Amino acid sequence: MLFMYLALLQNPEDEQLFETFYNKFYNIIYYIAKDHLHTKEAAEDCAHEVLMYFAKEFHNIPHDFDDKKLCNFIKIVTKNMAIDMYRKEKKHLFHVVDTDIDDFYNISTKEFDIVDEITLKEAFDKMP
């Protein structure tokens, strides 16, 4: 996974520094995400998003990795991204409609032809 983040760096000379950053902060990022998201997969996705963010903005952050301000900033960014992911997941689960697949097979082609393209497009636009 590290190679993906290294490809996002603006300055190729920062690869060693980002590797140090990754090794130092990955576990912290992962555990904060896991604390908020409760599943391993969601925490890994969140950690990936956080590391992508820091890889893109690596040229803007201080390279003193022992700095408490930087550590706190990383924790805040991780917590906020985890909360955002949790809210998106919760919103998605709320909008999932449970339908029986057999209902779709019972529609005859004649009935389906009645629905014109505009009505179908309007229905898709209303979906979350």
N, C-alpha and C. Protein backbone atom coordinates (compact mmCIF):
# COMPACT_ATOMS: atom_id res chain seq x y z
N MET A 1 0.81 -1.20 0.00
CA MET A 1 0.00 0.00 0.00
C MET A 1 0.86 1.27 0.00
N LEU A 2 2.00 1.17 0.58
CA LEU A 2 2.85 2.34 0.72
C LEU A 2 3.19 2.97 -0.63
N PHE A 3 3.38 2.14 -1.65
CA PHE A 3 3.74 2.67 -2.97
C PHE A 3 2.65 3.59 -3.53
N MET A 4 1.39 3.33 -3.18
CA MET A 4 0.30 4.19 -3.65
C MET A 4 0.44 5.60 -3.08
N TYR A 5 0.79 5.67 -1.80
CA TYR A 5 0.94 6.97 -1.16
C TYR A 5 2.18 7.69 -1.68
N LEU A 6 3.23 6.94 -1.93
CA LEU A 6 4.45 7.55 -2.45
C LEU A 6 4.22 8.16 -3.83
N ALA A 7 3.33 7.56 -4.60
CA ALA A 7 3.03 8.09 -5.93
C ALA A 7 2.29 9.42 -5.85
N LEU A 8 1.63 9.69 -4.73
CA LEU A 8 0.88 10.94 -4.58
C LEU A 8 1.75 12.11 -4.12
N LEU A 9 2.95 11.84 -3.70
CA LEU A 9 3.83 12.91 -3.21
C LEU A 9 4.22 13.85 -4.34
N GLN A 10 4.23 15.13 -4.03
CA GLN A 10 4.62 16.12 -5.03
C GLN A 10 6.12 16.16 -5.23
N ASN A 11 6.85 15.88 -4.17
CA ASN A 11 8.30 15.93 -4.24
C ASN A 11 8.85 14.51 -4.05
N PRO A 12 9.45 13.92 -5.07
CA PRO A 12 9.98 12.55 -4.95
C PRO A 12 11.04 12.40 -3.87
N GLU A 13 11.66 13.49 -3.48
CA GLU A 13 12.69 13.43 -2.44
C GLU A 13 12.08 13.18 -1.06
N ASP A 14 10.77 13.34 -0.93
CA ASP A 14 10.09 13.14 0.34
C ASP A 14 9.71 11.68 0.60
N GLU A 15 10.07 10.78 -0.29
CA GLU A 15 9.66 9.39 -0.14
C GLU A 15 10.15 8.77 1.16
N GLN A 16 11.41 8.99 1.50
CA GLN A 16 11.95 8.44 2.76
C GLN A 16 11.23 9.03 3.96
N LEU A 17 10.99 10.33 3.91
CA LEU A 17 10.29 10.98 5.03
C LEU A 17 8.86 10.47 5.16
N PHE A 18 8.19 10.28 4.04
CA PHE A 18 6.82 9.79 4.13
C PHE A 18 6.80 8.35 4.63
N GLU A 19 7.77 7.57 4.25
CA GLU A 19 7.85 6.20 4.75
C GLU A 19 8.01 6.20 6.26
N THR A 20 8.81 7.11 6.78
CA THR A 20 8.96 7.26 8.23
C THR A 20 7.64 7.69 8.85
N PHE A 21 6.98 8.64 8.21
CA PHE A 21 5.67 9.12 8.67
C PHE A 21 4.68 7.95 8.71
N TYR A 22 4.64 7.17 7.66
CA TYR A 22 3.73 6.02 7.57
C TYR A 22 4.00 5.02 8.69
N ASN A 23 5.25 4.67 8.89
CA ASN A 23 5.61 3.69 9.93
C ASN A 23 5.31 4.21 11.33
N LYS A 24 5.45 5.49 11.53
CA LYS A 24 5.23 6.07 12.86
C LYS A 24 3.74 6.23 13.17
N PHE A 25 2.92 6.61 12.19
CA PHE A 25 1.55 7.00 12.48
C PHE A 25 0.46 6.03 12.01
N TYR A 26 0.81 5.01 11.22
CA TYR A 26 -0.24 4.14 10.70
C TYR A 26 -1.05 3.48 11.81
N ASN A 27 -0.39 2.93 12.81
CA ASN A 27 -1.12 2.25 13.88
C ASN A 27 -2.03 3.20 14.64
N ILE A 28 -1.56 4.40 14.89
CA ILE A 28 -2.39 5.40 15.59
C ILE A 28 -3.63 5.72 14.76
N ILE A 29 -3.41 5.96 13.47
CA ILE A 29 -4.52 6.27 12.56
C ILE A 29 -5.52 5.12 12.53
N TYR A 30 -5.01 3.90 12.40
CA TYR A 30 -5.88 2.73 12.31
C TYR A 30 -6.72 2.56 13.58
N TYR A 31 -6.10 2.67 14.74
CA TYR A 31 -6.83 2.44 15.99
C TYR A 31 -7.84 3.53 16.30
N ILE A 32 -7.55 4.76 15.92
CA ILE A 32 -8.55 5.82 16.10
C ILE A 32 -9.74 5.55 15.17
N ALA A 33 -9.46 5.17 13.94
CA ALA A 33 -10.54 4.85 13.00
C ALA A 33 -11.35 3.65 13.50
N LYS A 34 -10.67 2.62 14.00
CA LYS A 34 -11.36 1.42 14.49
C LYS A 34 -12.24 1.76 15.68
N ASP A 35 -11.78 2.67 16.51
CA ASP A 35 -12.55 3.08 17.69
C ASP A 35 -13.87 3.72 17.29
N HIS A 36 -13.89 4.43 16.18
CA HIS A 36 -15.11 5.11 15.73
C HIS A 36 -15.96 4.28 14.78
N LEU A 37 -15.33 3.39 14.02
CA LEU A 37 -16.06 2.66 12.99
C LEU A 37 -16.38 1.21 13.37
N HIS A 38 -15.69 0.64 14.31
CA HIS A 38 -15.99 -0.67 14.90
C HIS A 38 -15.74 -1.88 14.01
N THR A 39 -15.41 -1.71 12.75
CA THR A 39 -15.09 -2.87 11.92
C THR A 39 -13.69 -2.69 11.33
N LYS A 40 -13.04 -3.81 11.15
CA LYS A 40 -11.67 -3.78 10.62
C LYS A 40 -11.63 -3.19 9.22
N GLU A 41 -12.59 -3.59 8.38
CA GLU A 41 -12.61 -3.12 6.99
C GLU A 41 -12.84 -1.62 6.90
N ALA A 42 -13.79 -1.12 7.68
CA ALA A 42 -14.08 0.32 7.67
C ALA A 42 -12.88 1.10 8.21
N ALA A 43 -12.23 0.58 9.24
CA ALA A 43 -11.06 1.25 9.80
C ALA A 43 -9.92 1.29 8.79
N GLU A 44 -9.73 0.21 8.05
CA GLU A 44 -8.69 0.18 7.02
C GLU A 44 -9.00 1.18 5.90
N ASP A 45 -10.27 1.27 5.51
CA ASP A 45 -10.67 2.25 4.49
C ASP A 45 -10.41 3.67 4.97
N CYS A 46 -10.76 3.92 6.21
CA CYS A 46 -10.54 5.26 6.77
C CYS A 46 -9.05 5.58 6.85
N ALA A 47 -8.26 4.62 7.33
CA ALA A 47 -6.81 4.83 7.41
C ALA A 47 -6.24 5.11 6.03
N HIS A 48 -6.74 4.42 5.03
CA HIS A 48 -6.30 4.65 3.65
C HIS A 48 -6.63 6.08 3.21
N GLU A 49 -7.84 6.53 3.50
CA GLU A 49 -8.24 7.90 3.13
C GLU A 49 -7.38 8.93 3.84
N VAL A 50 -7.11 8.71 5.12
CA VAL A 50 -6.28 9.65 5.90
C VAL A 50 -4.87 9.70 5.33
N LEU A 51 -4.30 8.56 5.04
CA LEU A 51 -2.94 8.53 4.50
C LEU A 51 -2.86 9.13 3.10
N MET A 52 -3.91 8.95 2.31
CA MET A 52 -3.95 9.61 1.00
C MET A 52 -3.98 11.12 1.17
N TYR A 53 -4.78 11.59 2.13
CA TYR A 53 -4.85 13.03 2.40
C TYR A 53 -3.47 13.56 2.78
N PHE A 54 -2.79 12.88 3.70
CA PHE A 54 -1.47 13.36 4.13
C PHE A 54 -0.42 13.21 3.04
N ALA A 55 -0.54 12.22 2.18
CA ALA A 55 0.41 12.09 1.08
C ALA A 55 0.27 13.26 0.10
N LYS A 56 -0.99 13.64 -0.17
CA LYS A 56 -1.22 14.76 -1.09
C LYS A 56 -0.74 16.08 -0.49
N GLU A 57 -0.87 16.22 0.83
CA GLU A 57 -0.52 17.47 1.50
C GLU A 57 0.81 17.39 2.25
N PHE A 58 1.62 16.41 1.93
CA PHE A 58 2.86 16.18 2.68
C PHE A 58 3.82 17.36 2.60
N HIS A 59 3.78 18.06 1.50
CA HIS A 59 4.68 19.21 1.35
C HIS A 59 4.29 20.37 2.27
N ASN A 60 3.06 20.35 2.80
CA ASN A 60 2.58 21.43 3.66
C ASN A 60 2.70 21.14 5.15
N ILE A 61 2.99 19.92 5.52
CA ILE A 61 3.05 19.60 6.94
C ILE A 61 4.50 19.62 7.42
N PRO A 62 4.70 19.92 8.72
CA PRO A 62 6.08 19.93 9.24
C PRO A 62 6.64 18.51 9.27
N HIS A 63 7.92 18.40 9.08
CA HIS A 63 8.56 17.09 9.01
C HIS A 63 9.20 16.69 10.33
N ASP A 64 8.81 17.38 11.40
CA ASP A 64 9.23 17.00 12.74
C ASP A 64 8.14 16.08 13.30
N PHE A 65 8.31 14.77 13.14
CA PHE A 65 7.26 13.82 13.48
C PHE A 65 7.11 13.59 14.98
N ASP A 66 8.01 14.16 15.79
CA ASP A 66 7.89 14.06 17.24
C ASP A 66 7.12 15.25 17.82
N ASP A 67 6.72 16.16 16.96
CA ASP A 67 5.99 17.35 17.39
C ASP A 67 4.58 16.96 17.85
N LYS A 68 4.20 17.40 19.05
CA LYS A 68 2.88 17.08 19.61
C LYS A 68 1.76 17.69 18.78
N LYS A 69 1.99 18.89 18.22
CA LYS A 69 0.95 19.53 17.41
C LYS A 69 0.63 18.70 16.17
N LEU A 70 1.66 18.18 15.53
CA LEU A 70 1.45 17.34 14.35
C LEU A 70 0.69 16.07 14.73
N CYS A 71 1.09 15.44 15.82
CA CYS A 71 0.43 14.22 16.27
C CYS A 71 -1.05 14.49 16.57
N ASN A 72 -1.32 15.58 17.24
CA ASN A 72 -2.71 15.94 17.56
C ASN A 72 -3.50 16.25 16.28
N PHE A 73 -2.86 16.91 15.32
CA PHE A 73 -3.51 17.21 14.06
C PHE A 73 -3.88 15.93 13.31
N ILE A 74 -2.97 14.98 13.30
CA ILE A 74 -3.23 13.69 12.64
C ILE A 74 -4.40 12.98 13.32
N LYS A 75 -4.45 13.03 14.63
CA LYS A 75 -5.54 12.40 15.37
C LYS A 75 -6.88 13.08 15.07
N ILE A 76 -6.88 14.39 14.98
CA ILE A 76 -8.11 15.13 14.68
C ILE A 76 -8.60 14.82 13.26
N VAL A 77 -7.69 14.83 12.31
CA VAL A 77 -8.06 14.52 10.92
C VAL A 77 -8.63 13.11 10.84
N THR A 78 -7.98 12.16 11.50
CA THR A 78 -8.45 10.78 11.49
C THR A 78 -9.82 10.66 12.12
N LYS A 79 -10.00 11.28 13.26
CA LYS A 79 -11.29 11.22 13.96
C LYS A 79 -12.40 11.81 13.09
N ASN A 80 -12.14 12.95 12.47
CA ASN A 80 -13.15 13.59 11.64
C ASN A 80 -13.49 12.76 10.40
N MET A 81 -12.48 12.17 9.77
CA MET A 81 -12.76 11.32 8.60
C MET A 81 -13.53 10.07 9.02
N ALA A 82 -13.21 9.52 10.18
CA ALA A 82 -13.92 8.33 10.66
C ALA A 82 -15.38 8.67 10.95
N ILE A 83 -15.61 9.82 11.56
CA ILE A 83 -16.98 10.25 11.85
C ILE A 83 -17.75 10.48 10.55
N ASP A 84 -17.11 11.10 9.57
CA ASP A 84 -17.76 11.31 8.27
C ASP A 84 -18.11 9.98 7.61
N MET A 85 -17.18 9.03 7.66
CA MET A 85 -17.45 7.73 7.06
C MET A 85 -18.59 7.02 7.79
N TYR A 86 -18.62 7.14 9.12
CA TYR A 86 -19.69 6.53 9.90
C TYR A 86 -21.04 7.12 9.51
N ARG A 87 -21.09 8.43 9.38
CA ARG A 87 -22.35 9.08 9.01
C ARG A 87 -22.80 8.68 7.61
N LYS A 88 -21.88 8.60 6.67
CA LYS A 88 -22.23 8.17 5.32
C LYS A 88 -22.74 6.75 5.31
N GLU A 89 -22.08 5.89 6.08
CA GLU A 89 -22.51 4.49 6.14
C GLU A 89 -23.89 4.38 6.79
N LYS A 90 -24.10 5.14 7.84
CA LYS A 90 -25.39 5.12 8.52
C LYS A 90 -26.49 5.65 7.61
N LYS A 91 -26.20 6.71 6.87
CA LYS A 91 -27.17 7.28 5.95
C LYS A 91 -27.48 6.29 4.83
N HIS A 92 -26.46 5.62 4.33
CA HIS A 92 -26.65 4.63 3.26
C HIS A 92 -27.53 3.48 3.75
N LEU A 93 -27.27 2.99 4.95
CA LEU A 93 -28.06 1.88 5.49
C LEU A 93 -29.51 2.28 5.71
N PHE A 94 -29.74 3.54 6.03
CA PHE A 94 -31.09 4.03 6.25
C PHE A 94 -31.89 4.05 4.95
N HIS A 95 -31.21 4.27 3.83
CA HIS A 95 -31.89 4.40 2.54
C HIS A 95 -31.97 3.09 1.75
N VAL A 96 -31.42 2.02 2.27
CA VAL A 96 -31.47 0.74 1.57
C VAL A 96 -32.91 0.22 1.60
N VAL A 97 -33.42 -0.15 0.44
CA VAL A 97 -34.78 -0.65 0.33
C VAL A 97 -34.71 -2.17 0.17
N ASP A 98 -35.48 -2.85 0.99
CA ASP A 98 -35.50 -4.31 0.93
C ASP A 98 -36.65 -4.74 0.03
N THR A 99 -36.32 -5.22 -1.15
CA THR A 99 -37.34 -5.68 -2.09
C THR A 99 -37.04 -7.10 -2.51
N ASP A 100 -38.07 -7.76 -2.92
CA ASP A 100 -37.92 -9.13 -3.38
C ASP A 100 -37.60 -9.11 -4.88
N ILE A 101 -36.59 -9.85 -5.29
CA ILE A 101 -36.15 -9.84 -6.69
C ILE A 101 -37.24 -10.38 -7.61
N ASP A 102 -38.11 -11.24 -7.08
CA ASP A 102 -39.19 -11.80 -7.91
C ASP A 102 -40.16 -10.72 -8.38
N ASP A 103 -40.28 -9.64 -7.62
CA ASP A 103 -41.17 -8.54 -8.03
C ASP A 103 -40.73 -7.96 -9.38
N PHE A 104 -39.44 -7.96 -9.64
CA PHE A 104 -38.96 -7.39 -10.89
C PHE A 104 -39.21 -8.32 -12.08
N TYR A 105 -39.23 -9.61 -11.83
CA TYR A 105 -39.45 -10.56 -12.91
C TYR A 105 -40.93 -10.70 -13.28
N ASN A 106 -41.83 -10.24 -12.42
CA ASN A 106 -43.26 -10.35 -12.69
C ASN A 106 -43.77 -9.22 -13.58
N ILE A 107 -42.93 -8.26 -13.90
CA ILE A 107 -43.35 -7.15 -14.76
C ILE A 107 -43.27 -7.62 -16.21
N SER A 108 -44.36 -7.49 -16.90
CA SER A 108 -44.35 -7.88 -18.31
C SER A 108 -43.70 -6.76 -19.13
N THR A 109 -43.25 -7.11 -20.31
CA THR A 109 -42.60 -6.11 -21.16
C THR A 109 -43.59 -5.05 -21.60
N LYS A 110 -44.85 -5.41 -21.71
CA LYS A 110 -45.87 -4.44 -22.10
C LYS A 110 -46.02 -3.37 -21.02
N GLU A 111 -46.04 -3.80 -19.77
CA GLU A 111 -46.14 -2.84 -18.67
C GLU A 111 -44.90 -1.96 -18.60
N PHE A 112 -43.75 -2.55 -18.88
CA PHE A 112 -42.51 -1.80 -18.81
C PHE A 112 -42.42 -0.77 -19.93
N ASP A 113 -42.99 -1.07 -21.09
CA ASP A 113 -42.96 -0.12 -22.21
C ASP A 113 -43.76 1.14 -21.90
N ILE A 114 -44.71 1.06 -20.99
CA ILE A 114 -45.52 2.23 -20.64
C ILE A 114 -44.65 3.29 -19.98
N VAL A 115 -43.68 2.85 -19.21
CA VAL A 115 -42.79 3.79 -18.53
C VAL A 115 -41.86 4.38 -19.57
N ASP A 116 -42.00 5.66 -19.79
CA ASP A 116 -41.14 6.28 -20.80
C ASP A 116 -39.81 6.72 -20.16
N GLU A 117 -38.93 7.15 -20.97
CA GLU A 117 -37.58 7.49 -20.54
C GLU A 117 -37.57 8.65 -19.55
N ILE A 118 -38.43 9.61 -19.69
CA ILE A 118 -38.47 10.78 -18.80
C ILE A 118 -38.87 10.36 -17.39
N THR A 119 -39.90 9.53 -17.27
CA THR A 119 -40.35 9.08 -15.97
C THR A 119 -39.26 8.27 -15.27
N LEU A 120 -38.60 7.44 -16.02
CA LEU A 120 -37.51 6.64 -15.47
C LEU A 120 -36.36 7.53 -15.00
N LYS A 121 -36.03 8.54 -15.79
CA LYS A 121 -34.97 9.47 -15.40
C LYS A 121 -35.33 10.22 -14.14
N GLU A 122 -36.60 10.67 -14.02
CA GLU A 122 -37.05 11.36 -12.82
C GLU A 122 -36.93 10.47 -11.59
N ALA A 123 -37.24 9.21 -11.76
CA ALA A 123 -37.15 8.28 -10.63
C ALA A 123 -35.69 8.11 -10.18
N PHE A 124 -34.77 8.02 -11.14
CA PHE A 124 -33.37 7.89 -10.80
C PHE A 124 -32.84 9.16 -10.14
N ASP A 125 -33.30 10.32 -10.58
CA ASP A 125 -32.84 11.57 -9.99
C ASP A 125 -33.30 11.73 -8.55
N LYS A 126 -34.41 11.15 -8.19
CA LYS A 126 -34.94 11.24 -6.82
C LYS A 126 -34.24 10.28 -5.86
N MET A 127 -33.52 9.31 -6.39
CA MET A 127 -32.84 8.33 -5.52
C MET A 127 -31.67 9.00 -4.80
N PRO A 128 -31.41 8.59 -3.54
CA PRO A 128 -30.28 9.16 -2.79
C PRO A 128 -28.96 8.67 -3.34
